[in-house]
Amino acid sequence: HLRRLGLANYLIGAMDGQALQALVAHGIPAFDMESGLTTADYGWGTNNFRQLGLRKCELILNLLAAGADPILTDADALITRDPTELIVGLLPEAQILVTSDHLAATDDGKGGLESPERAHHSAWNIGYLYLHHTAYQAMLHWKRTCEANPKMWDQSLFRDVLRIGGIAFDAPGRPELRAKRLFLGYNRSVAIGILPVATFCSGHTYFVQRMPQRRGLVPYSVHTTFQYSGAVGKTHRLREGMMWLDPPEYYAPKARGFLQYEPTIPLH
């Protein structure tokens, strides 16, 4: 997907040596994140899954300490459109932009960030996350909180840390934040935004509700959440959406071909 978009400013973290060798062999920019955890499916909620969260915290802090302003995605959160113009061009004040598991768009059809008052209650999903390097102290607090609570989900702790000191929807002296639907968190020191669920899609808004398709929008990201059967289920979900790279004969086999039809489904 990144190559199709013509993007080159990316790095893939290899969680084991075999993955690193395969990435390098394919000419993909990669770095070693040898975790020593597992080479199989991590399994949501398992100990390996929790430990993976700590690796993510460490990576984030290293990037921010180097002055980088990264977009971090999980392997199952595809980048389907270049977000640079939106994040850098339209939202330069943002220090943290996070996707959401909210199931209803609150952008009032304007394509901007979600309404913080209406959407901040839903889970913030760190599978696709933009961070400005000035958010370093907040992310350091998050990492320490994860280390102190090894049985808790890093994603839940992420939101808990950023809600310390409460959330301020109005920032005195900074009307530009309110106008762009940015709000303050972490003792009112960090400008946060909730990315629009119609274009930074969860598995539900893209594959089930088909929200961007019904709005005629091209999404920036599609995350295979709200999905069962682990990595196998996610792969098939993407394949059903024609977002997984397969040879043409997979979809049109010469023997025992697929039955094809065009369903007519009413919107209401």
C-alpha atoms as a PDB file:
ATOM      1  CA  HIS A   1       0.000   0.000   0.000  1.00  0.00           C
ATOM      2  CA  LEU A   2       2.824   2.399   0.813  1.00  0.00           C
ATOM      3  CA  ARG A   3       4.604   1.629  -2.425  1.00  0.00           C
ATOM      4  CA  ARG A   4       1.387   2.095  -4.379  1.00  0.00           C
ATOM      5  CA  LEU A   5       1.093   5.573  -2.815  1.00  0.00           C
ATOM      6  CA  GLY A   6       4.663   6.376  -3.794  1.00  0.00           C
ATOM      7  CA  LEU A   7       5.727   6.925  -0.180  1.00  0.00           C
ATOM      8  CA  ALA A   8       9.295   6.299   0.928  1.00  0.00           C
ATOM      9  CA  ASN A   9       9.371   7.824   4.430  1.00  0.00           C
ATOM     10  CA  TYR A  10       8.595   4.628   6.304  1.00  0.00           C
ATOM     11  CA  LEU A  11      10.289   1.941   8.384  1.00  0.00           C
ATOM     12  CA  ILE A  12       8.993  -1.503   9.284  1.00  0.00           C
ATOM     13  CA  GLY A  13       9.923  -2.988  12.647  1.00  0.00           C
ATOM     14  CA  ALA A  14      10.795  -6.686  12.438  1.00  0.00           C
ATOM     15  CA  MET A  15       9.805  -8.524  15.607  1.00  0.00           C
ATOM     16  CA  ASP A  16      12.067 -11.515  14.891  1.00  0.00           C
ATOM     17  CA  GLY A  17      15.106 -12.408  12.802  1.00  0.00           C
ATOM     18  CA  GLN A  18      13.178 -14.340  10.174  1.00  0.00           C
ATOM     19  CA  ALA A  19      10.903 -11.372   9.507  1.00  0.00           C
ATOM     20  CA  LEU A  20      13.910  -9.043   9.279  1.00  0.00           C
ATOM     21  CA  GLN A  21      15.601 -11.241   6.674  1.00  0.00           C
ATOM     22  CA  ALA A  22      12.433 -11.439   4.589  1.00  0.00           C
ATOM     23  CA  LEU A  23      11.879  -7.666   4.694  1.00  0.00           C
ATOM     24  CA  VAL A  24      15.468  -6.900   3.708  1.00  0.00           C
ATOM     25  CA  ALA A  25      15.312  -9.485   0.909  1.00  0.00           C
ATOM     26  CA  HIS A  26      12.304  -7.652  -0.531  1.00  0.00           C
ATOM     27  CA  GLY A  27      14.060  -4.291  -0.371  1.00  0.00           C
ATOM     28  CA  ILE A  28      11.756  -2.982   2.375  1.00  0.00           C
ATOM     29  CA  PRO A  29      13.268  -0.436   4.827  1.00  0.00           C
ATOM     30  CA  ALA A  30      13.337  -2.328   8.121  1.00  0.00           C
ATOM     31  CA  PHE A  31      14.977  -2.336  11.531  1.00  0.00           C
ATOM     32  CA  ASP A  32      15.464  -5.003  14.168  1.00  0.00           C
ATOM     33  CA  MET A  33      12.928  -5.024  17.006  1.00  0.00           C
ATOM     34  CA  GLU A  34      13.861  -8.540  18.148  1.00  0.00           C
ATOM     35  CA  SER A  35      11.351  -9.150  20.911  1.00  0.00           C
ATOM     36  CA  GLY A  36      12.032 -12.744  21.891  1.00  0.00           C
ATOM     37  CA  LEU A  37       8.284 -13.148  22.456  1.00  0.00           C
ATOM     38  CA  THR A  38       6.809 -15.333  19.711  1.00  0.00           C
ATOM     39  CA  THR A  39       6.811 -15.777  15.955  1.00  0.00           C
ATOM     40  CA  ALA A  40       3.167 -16.844  15.979  1.00  0.00           C
ATOM     41  CA  ASP A  41      -0.033 -14.833  16.425  1.00  0.00           C
ATOM     42  CA  TYR A  42       0.358 -12.738  19.583  1.00  0.00           C
ATOM     43  CA  GLY A  43      -3.227 -13.346  20.661  1.00  0.00           C
ATOM     44  CA  TRP A  44      -5.160 -10.428  22.084  1.00  0.00           C
ATOM     45  CA  GLY A  45      -4.873 -10.156  25.872  1.00  0.00           C
ATOM     46  CA  THR A  46      -2.074 -12.719  26.247  1.00  0.00           C
ATOM     47  CA  ASN A  47       1.168 -12.067  28.100  1.00  0.00           C
ATOM     48  CA  ASN A  48       2.982 -11.727  24.771  1.00  0.00           C
ATOM     49  CA  PHE A  49       0.410  -9.154  23.751  1.00  0.00           C
ATOM     50  CA  ARG A  50       1.080  -7.135  26.912  1.00  0.00           C
ATOM     51  CA  GLN A  51       4.841  -7.330  26.430  1.00  0.00           C
ATOM     52  CA  LEU A  52       4.443  -6.153  22.858  1.00  0.00           C
ATOM     53  CA  GLY A  53       2.854  -2.977  24.237  1.00  0.00           C
ATOM     54  CA  LEU A  54       6.025  -2.219  26.195  1.00  0.00           C
ATOM     55  CA  ARG A  55       8.120  -2.636  23.042  1.00  0.00           C
ATOM     56  CA  LYS A  56       5.856  -0.115  21.379  1.00  0.00           C
ATOM     57  CA  CYS A  57       6.341   2.366  24.236  1.00  0.00           C
ATOM     58  CA  GLU A  58      10.121   2.018  23.988  1.00  0.00           C
ATOM     59  CA  LEU A  59      10.071   2.590  20.239  1.00  0.00           C
ATOM     60  CA  ILE A  60       7.901   5.682  20.608  1.00  0.00           C
ATOM     61  CA  LEU A  61      10.191   7.239  23.216  1.00  0.00           C
ATOM     62  CA  ASN A  62      13.278   6.581  21.099  1.00  0.00           C
ATOM     63  CA  LEU A  63      11.676   8.280  18.105  1.00  0.00           C
ATOM     64  CA  LEU A  64      10.435  11.292  20.064  1.00  0.00           C
ATOM     65  CA  ALA A  65      13.794  11.720  21.827  1.00  0.00           C
ATOM     66  CA  ALA A  66      15.415  11.925  18.384  1.00  0.00           C
ATOM     67  CA  GLY A  67      13.082  14.771  17.446  1.00  0.00           C
ATOM     68  CA  ALA A  68      10.957  12.696  15.073  1.00  0.00           C
ATOM     69  CA  ASP A  69       7.214  13.288  14.621  1.00  0.00           C
ATOM     70  CA  PRO A  70       6.081   9.789  13.667  1.00  0.00           C
ATOM     71  CA  ILE A  71       2.893   8.143  12.552  1.00  0.00           C
ATOM     72  CA  LEU A  72       2.880   4.689  14.101  1.00  0.00           C
ATOM     73  CA  THR A  73       0.670   1.920  12.802  1.00  0.00           C
ATOM     74  CA  ASP A  74       0.117  -1.656  13.785  1.00  0.00           C
ATOM     75  CA  ALA A  75       0.743  -4.238  11.071  1.00  0.00           C
ATOM     76  CA  ASP A  76      -3.015  -4.649  10.600  1.00  0.00           C
ATOM     77  CA  ALA A  77      -3.703  -0.904  10.182  1.00  0.00           C
ATOM     78  CA  LEU A  78      -3.161  -0.211   6.507  1.00  0.00           C
ATOM     79  CA  ILE A  79      -2.112   3.189   5.197  1.00  0.00           C
ATOM     80  CA  THR A  80      -4.358   3.690   2.181  1.00  0.00           C
ATOM     81  CA  ARG A  81      -3.822   7.418   1.614  1.00  0.00           C
ATOM     82  CA  ASP A  82      -0.994   9.866   2.351  1.00  0.00           C
ATOM     83  CA  PRO A  83      -2.010  11.742   5.552  1.00  0.00           C
ATOM     84  CA  THR A  84       0.727  14.396   5.338  1.00  0.00           C
ATOM     85  CA  GLU A  85      -1.441  17.201   4.004  1.00  0.00           C
ATOM     86  CA  LEU A  86      -4.032  16.706   6.735  1.00  0.00           C
ATOM     87  CA  ILE A  87      -1.680  16.301   9.693  1.00  0.00           C
ATOM     88  CA  VAL A  88       1.115  18.679   8.774  1.00  0.00           C
ATOM     89  CA  GLY A  89      -0.821  21.077   6.570  1.00  0.00           C
ATOM     90  CA  LEU A  90      -4.148  21.475   8.370  1.00  0.00           C
ATOM     91  CA  LEU A  91      -3.385  20.386  11.947  1.00  0.00           C
ATOM     92  CA  PRO A  92       0.118  21.687  12.777  1.00  0.00           C
ATOM     93  CA  GLU A  93      -0.964  22.528  16.354  1.00  0.00           C
ATOM     94  CA  ALA A  94      -1.746  18.878  17.122  1.00  0.00           C
ATOM     95  CA  GLN A  95       0.650  16.999  19.387  1.00  0.00           C
ATOM     96  CA  ILE A  96      -1.305  13.745  19.462  1.00  0.00           C
ATOM     97  CA  LEU A  97      -3.818  12.478  16.906  1.00  0.00           C
ATOM     98  CA  VAL A  98      -5.419   9.129  17.642  1.00  0.00           C
ATOM     99  CA  THR A  99      -7.962   6.920  15.934  1.00  0.00           C
ATOM    100  CA  SER A 100     -11.132   5.865  17.684  1.00  0.00           C
ATOM    101  CA  ASP A 101     -13.427   2.852  18.038  1.00  0.00           C
ATOM    102  CA  HIS A 102     -16.412   5.230  17.961  1.00  0.00           C
ATOM    103  CA  LEU A 103     -19.047   3.823  15.600  1.00  0.00           C
ATOM    104  CA  ALA A 104     -20.802   7.043  14.564  1.00  0.00           C
ATOM    105  CA  ALA A 105     -19.257   9.979  12.743  1.00  0.00           C
ATOM    106  CA  THR A 106     -19.438  13.240  14.701  1.00  0.00           C
ATOM    107  CA  ASP A 107     -17.611  15.414  12.179  1.00  0.00           C
ATOM    108  CA  ASP A 108     -20.950  16.893  11.000  1.00  0.00           C
ATOM    109  CA  GLY A 109     -20.050  15.906   7.453  1.00  0.00           C
ATOM    110  CA  LYS A 110     -17.163  18.396   7.289  1.00  0.00           C
ATOM    111  CA  GLY A 111     -14.372  15.826   7.176  1.00  0.00           C
ATOM    112  CA  GLY A 112     -12.469  17.266  10.132  1.00  0.00           C
ATOM    113  CA  LEU A 113     -11.687  15.755  13.504  1.00  0.00           C
ATOM    114  CA  GLU A 114     -14.408  14.118  15.548  1.00  0.00           C
ATOM    115  CA  SER A 115     -16.267  16.220  18.089  1.00  0.00           C
ATOM    116  CA  PRO A 116     -14.249  15.821  21.311  1.00  0.00           C
ATOM    117  CA  GLU A 117     -17.323  16.257  23.501  1.00  0.00           C
ATOM    118  CA  ARG A 118     -19.237  13.518  21.684  1.00  0.00           C
ATOM    119  CA  ALA A 119     -16.501  11.054  20.774  1.00  0.00           C
ATOM    120  CA  HIS A 120     -13.900  11.150  23.550  1.00  0.00           C
ATOM    121  CA  HIS A 121     -15.812   8.607  25.663  1.00  0.00           C
ATOM    122  CA  SER A 122     -15.200   5.779  23.167  1.00  0.00           C
ATOM    123  CA  ALA A 123     -11.970   3.802  23.176  1.00  0.00           C
ATOM    124  CA  TRP A 124      -8.974   5.561  21.675  1.00  0.00           C
ATOM    125  CA  ASN A 125      -7.202   3.140  19.364  1.00  0.00           C
ATOM    126  CA  ILE A 126      -3.413   3.405  19.225  1.00  0.00           C
ATOM    127  CA  GLY A 127      -3.157   1.120  16.193  1.00  0.00           C
ATOM    128  CA  TYR A 128      -2.813   4.320  14.121  1.00  0.00           C
ATOM    129  CA  LEU A 129      -1.296   7.203  15.999  1.00  0.00           C
ATOM    130  CA  TYR A 130       0.428  10.501  15.204  1.00  0.00           C
ATOM    131  CA  LEU A 131       2.814  11.965  17.780  1.00  0.00           C
ATOM    132  CA  HIS A 132       4.695  15.248  17.806  1.00  0.00           C
ATOM    133  CA  HIS A 133       8.029  15.058  19.605  1.00  0.00           C
ATOM    134  CA  THR A 134       6.825  17.640  22.158  1.00  0.00           C
ATOM    135  CA  ALA A 135       4.538  14.931  23.607  1.00  0.00           C
ATOM    136  CA  TYR A 136       7.615  13.166  25.002  1.00  0.00           C
ATOM    137  CA  GLN A 137       6.885  13.718  28.711  1.00  0.00           C
ATOM    138  CA  ALA A 138       3.330  12.435  28.392  1.00  0.00           C
ATOM    139  CA  MET A 139       4.550   9.334  26.547  1.00  0.00           C
ATOM    140  CA  LEU A 140       7.271   8.758  29.153  1.00  0.00           C
ATOM    141  CA  HIS A 141       4.550   8.832  31.835  1.00  0.00           C
ATOM    142  CA  TRP A 142       2.568   6.313  29.755  1.00  0.00           C
ATOM    143  CA  LYS A 143       5.544   3.947  29.494  1.00  0.00           C
ATOM    144  CA  ARG A 144       6.165   4.052  33.241  1.00  0.00           C
ATOM    145  CA  THR A 145       2.481   3.422  33.892  1.00  0.00           C
ATOM    146  CA  CYS A 146       2.557   0.392  31.588  1.00  0.00           C
ATOM    147  CA  GLU A 147       5.618  -0.968  33.386  1.00  0.00           C
ATOM    148  CA  ALA A 148       3.904  -0.506  36.761  1.00  0.00           C
ATOM    149  CA  ASN A 149       0.732  -2.258  35.532  1.00  0.00           C
ATOM    150  CA  PRO A 150       1.926  -5.219  33.412  1.00  0.00           C
ATOM    151  CA  LYS A 151      -1.493  -6.903  33.374  1.00  0.00           C
ATOM    152  CA  MET A 152      -3.325  -3.870  32.024  1.00  0.00           C
ATOM    153  CA  TRP A 153      -3.788  -3.011  28.350  1.00  0.00           C
ATOM    154  CA  ASP A 154      -1.381  -0.358  27.090  1.00  0.00           C
ATOM    155  CA  GLN A 155      -4.148   1.203  24.982  1.00  0.00           C
ATOM    156  CA  SER A 156      -6.403   1.761  27.992  1.00  0.00           C
ATOM    157  CA  LEU A 157      -3.492   3.169  29.986  1.00  0.00           C
ATOM    158  CA  PHE A 158      -2.666   5.519  27.097  1.00  0.00           C
ATOM    159  CA  ARG A 159      -6.023   7.243  27.434  1.00  0.00           C
ATOM    160  CA  ASP A 160      -5.924   7.132  31.233  1.00  0.00           C
ATOM    161  CA  VAL A 161      -2.574   8.964  31.300  1.00  0.00           C
ATOM    162  CA  LEU A 162      -3.690  11.621  28.832  1.00  0.00           C
ATOM    163  CA  ARG A 163      -6.826  12.245  30.912  1.00  0.00           C
ATOM    164  CA  ILE A 164      -4.759  13.071  34.014  1.00  0.00           C
ATOM    165  CA  GLY A 165      -5.791  16.526  35.171  1.00  0.00           C
ATOM    166  CA  GLY A 166      -8.983  16.276  33.130  1.00  0.00           C
ATOM    167  CA  ILE A 167      -9.754  17.182  29.541  1.00  0.00           C
ATOM    168  CA  ALA A 168     -10.210  20.809  28.507  1.00  0.00           C
ATOM    169  CA  PHE A 169     -12.356  21.389  25.427  1.00  0.00           C
ATOM    170  CA  ASP A 170     -11.659  25.120  25.575  1.00  0.00           C
ATOM    171  CA  ALA A 171      -8.099  26.401  25.774  1.00  0.00           C
ATOM    172  CA  PRO A 172      -7.955  30.043  26.981  1.00  0.00           C
ATOM    173  CA  GLY A 173      -5.923  32.137  24.571  1.00  0.00           C
ATOM    174  CA  ARG A 174      -5.798  29.398  21.928  1.00  0.00           C
ATOM    175  CA  PRO A 175      -9.029  29.647  19.904  1.00  0.00           C
ATOM    176  CA  GLU A 176      -7.399  27.841  16.977  1.00  0.00           C
ATOM    177  CA  LEU A 177      -7.529  24.587  18.950  1.00  0.00           C
ATOM    178  CA  ARG A 178     -11.265  24.768  19.507  1.00  0.00           C
ATOM    179  CA  ALA A 179     -11.848  25.736  15.884  1.00  0.00           C
ATOM    180  CA  LYS A 180     -10.030  22.586  14.728  1.00  0.00           C
ATOM    181  CA  ARG A 181     -11.641  20.350  17.377  1.00  0.00           C
ATOM    182  CA  LEU A 182      -8.398  19.869  19.265  1.00  0.00           C
ATOM    183  CA  PHE A 183      -8.589  19.618  23.050  1.00  0.00           C
ATOM    184  CA  LEU A 184      -6.086  19.639  25.884  1.00  0.00           C
ATOM    185  CA  GLY A 185      -5.092  16.672  28.004  1.00  0.00           C
ATOM    186  CA  TYR A 186      -2.327  15.530  30.350  1.00  0.00           C
ATOM    187  CA  ASN A 187      -2.685  18.379  32.838  1.00  0.00           C
ATOM    188  CA  ARG A 188      -3.836  20.550  29.947  1.00  0.00           C
ATOM    189  CA  SER A 189      -0.382  20.529  28.396  1.00  0.00           C
ATOM    190  CA  VAL A 190      -0.902  18.436  25.248  1.00  0.00           C
ATOM    191  CA  ALA A 191      -3.142  19.225  22.243  1.00  0.00           C
ATOM    192  CA  ILE A 192      -5.053  16.075  21.238  1.00  0.00           C
ATOM    193  CA  GLY A 193      -7.404  15.254  18.395  1.00  0.00           C
ATOM    194  CA  ILE A 194      -9.601  12.276  17.533  1.00  0.00           C
ATOM    195  CA  LEU A 195      -9.175  11.386  13.875  1.00  0.00           C
ATOM    196  CA  PRO A 196     -12.376  11.048  11.815  1.00  0.00           C
ATOM    197  CA  VAL A 197     -13.799   7.535  11.913  1.00  0.00           C
ATOM    198  CA  ALA A 198     -15.095   7.836   8.335  1.00  0.00           C
ATOM    199  CA  THR A 199     -11.582   8.090   6.880  1.00  0.00           C
ATOM    200  CA  PHE A 200      -9.407   6.580   9.634  1.00  0.00           C
ATOM    201  CA  CYS A 201     -11.515   3.473   9.711  1.00  0.00           C
ATOM    202  CA  SER A 202     -11.974   0.667  12.169  1.00  0.00           C
ATOM    203  CA  GLY A 203     -12.984  -2.712  10.846  1.00  0.00           C
ATOM    204  CA  HIS A 204     -16.569  -1.881  11.690  1.00  0.00           C
ATOM    205  CA  THR A 205     -16.818   1.515   9.998  1.00  0.00           C
ATOM    206  CA  TYR A 206     -15.088   0.270   6.832  1.00  0.00           C
ATOM    207  CA  PHE A 207     -16.168  -3.345   6.321  1.00  0.00           C
ATOM    208  CA  VAL A 208     -19.540  -3.416   8.097  1.00  0.00           C
ATOM    209  CA  GLN A 209     -20.994   0.091   7.981  1.00  0.00           C
ATOM    210  CA  ARG A 210     -19.063   0.930   4.787  1.00  0.00           C
ATOM    211  CA  MET A 211     -19.022   4.509   5.978  1.00  0.00           C
ATOM    212  CA  PRO A 212     -16.396   5.934   3.586  1.00  0.00           C
ATOM    213  CA  GLN A 213     -17.907   4.098   0.630  1.00  0.00           C
ATOM    214  CA  ARG A 214     -21.372   5.499   1.345  1.00  0.00           C
ATOM    215  CA  ARG A 215     -19.925   8.992   1.722  1.00  0.00           C
ATOM    216  CA  GLY A 216     -17.836   8.699  -1.421  1.00  0.00           C
ATOM    217  CA  LEU A 217     -14.586   9.122   0.542  1.00  0.00           C
ATOM    218  CA  VAL A 218     -11.163   7.563   0.175  1.00  0.00           C
ATOM    219  CA  PRO A 219      -9.949   6.495   3.633  1.00  0.00           C
ATOM    220  CA  TYR A 220      -6.528   7.328   5.016  1.00  0.00           C
ATOM    221  CA  SER A 221      -6.330   4.111   6.986  1.00  0.00           C
ATOM    222  CA  VAL A 222      -8.206   0.836   7.418  1.00  0.00           C
ATOM    223  CA  HIS A 223      -7.656  -1.085  10.643  1.00  0.00           C
ATOM    224  CA  THR A 224      -8.880  -4.686  10.819  1.00  0.00           C
ATOM    225  CA  THR A 225     -10.422  -4.403  14.267  1.00  0.00           C
ATOM    226  CA  PHE A 226     -13.835  -5.820  15.261  1.00  0.00           C
ATOM    227  CA  GLN A 227     -12.625  -9.069  13.714  1.00  0.00           C
ATOM    228  CA  TYR A 228     -12.486 -12.656  14.926  1.00  0.00           C
ATOM    229  CA  SER A 229     -10.112 -15.566  14.153  1.00  0.00           C
ATOM    230  CA  GLY A 230      -6.878 -13.654  14.751  1.00  0.00           C
ATOM    231  CA  ALA A 231      -4.446 -12.967  11.922  1.00  0.00           C
ATOM    232  CA  VAL A 232      -6.169 -15.443   9.586  1.00  0.00           C
ATOM    233  CA  GLY A 233      -9.491 -13.666  10.004  1.00  0.00           C
ATOM    234  CA  LYS A 234      -7.882 -10.284   9.392  1.00  0.00           C
ATOM    235  CA  THR A 235      -6.192 -11.520   6.229  1.00  0.00           C
ATOM    236  CA  HIS A 236      -9.487 -12.782   4.832  1.00  0.00           C
ATOM    237  CA  ARG A 237     -11.275  -9.580   5.833  1.00  0.00           C
ATOM    238  CA  LEU A 238      -8.761  -7.603   3.776  1.00  0.00           C
ATOM    239  CA  ARG A 239      -9.009 -10.090   0.938  1.00  0.00           C
ATOM    240  CA  GLU A 240     -12.796  -9.702   0.857  1.00  0.00           C
ATOM    241  CA  GLY A 241     -12.289  -5.937   0.616  1.00  0.00           C
ATOM    242  CA  MET A 242      -9.808  -6.341  -2.283  1.00  0.00           C
ATOM    243  CA  MET A 243      -7.094  -4.812  -0.090  1.00  0.00           C
ATOM    244  CA  TRP A 244      -4.806  -7.843   0.101  1.00  0.00           C
ATOM    245  CA  LEU A 245      -2.225  -8.515  -2.600  1.00  0.00           C
ATOM    246  CA  ASP A 246      -3.133 -11.753  -4.353  1.00  0.00           C
ATOM    247  CA  PRO A 247      -2.457 -12.827  -7.939  1.00  0.00           C
ATOM    248  CA  PRO A 248      -5.440 -12.273 -10.278  1.00  0.00           C
ATOM    249  CA  GLU A 249      -6.055 -16.012 -10.582  1.00  0.00           C
ATOM    250  CA  TYR A 250      -6.966 -16.141  -6.883  1.00  0.00           C
ATOM    251  CA  TYR A 251     -10.115 -14.148  -7.669  1.00  0.00           C
ATOM    252  CA  ALA A 252     -10.773 -15.779 -11.045  1.00  0.00           C
ATOM    253  CA  PRO A 253      -9.569 -19.389 -10.890  1.00  0.00           C
ATOM    254  CA  LYS A 254      -9.814 -21.352 -14.134  1.00  0.00           C
ATOM    255  CA  ALA A 255     -11.125 -24.419 -12.337  1.00  0.00           C
ATOM    256  CA  ARG A 256     -13.960 -24.341  -9.830  1.00  0.00           C
ATOM    257  CA  GLY A 257     -14.467 -20.626 -10.288  1.00  0.00           C
ATOM    258  CA  PHE A 258     -16.448 -18.424  -7.902  1.00  0.00           C
ATOM    259  CA  LEU A 259     -20.116 -17.574  -8.310  1.00  0.00           C
ATOM    260  CA  GLN A 260     -20.360 -13.843  -9.015  1.00  0.00           C
ATOM    261  CA  TYR A 261     -23.335 -11.553  -8.478  1.00  0.00           C
ATOM    262  CA  GLU A 262     -24.119  -7.897  -7.748  1.00  0.00           C
ATOM    263  CA  PRO A 263     -26.218  -7.583  -4.587  1.00  0.00           C
ATOM    264  CA  THR A 264     -28.759  -4.819  -4.228  1.00  0.00           C
ATOM    265  CA  ILE A 265     -28.891  -3.784  -0.576  1.00  0.00           C
ATOM    266  CA  PRO A 266     -31.172  -0.954   0.557  1.00  0.00           C
ATOM    267  CA  LEU A 267     -29.474   1.725   2.638  1.00  0.00           C
ATOM    268  CA  HIS A 268     -32.368   1.913   5.113  1.00  0.00           C
END
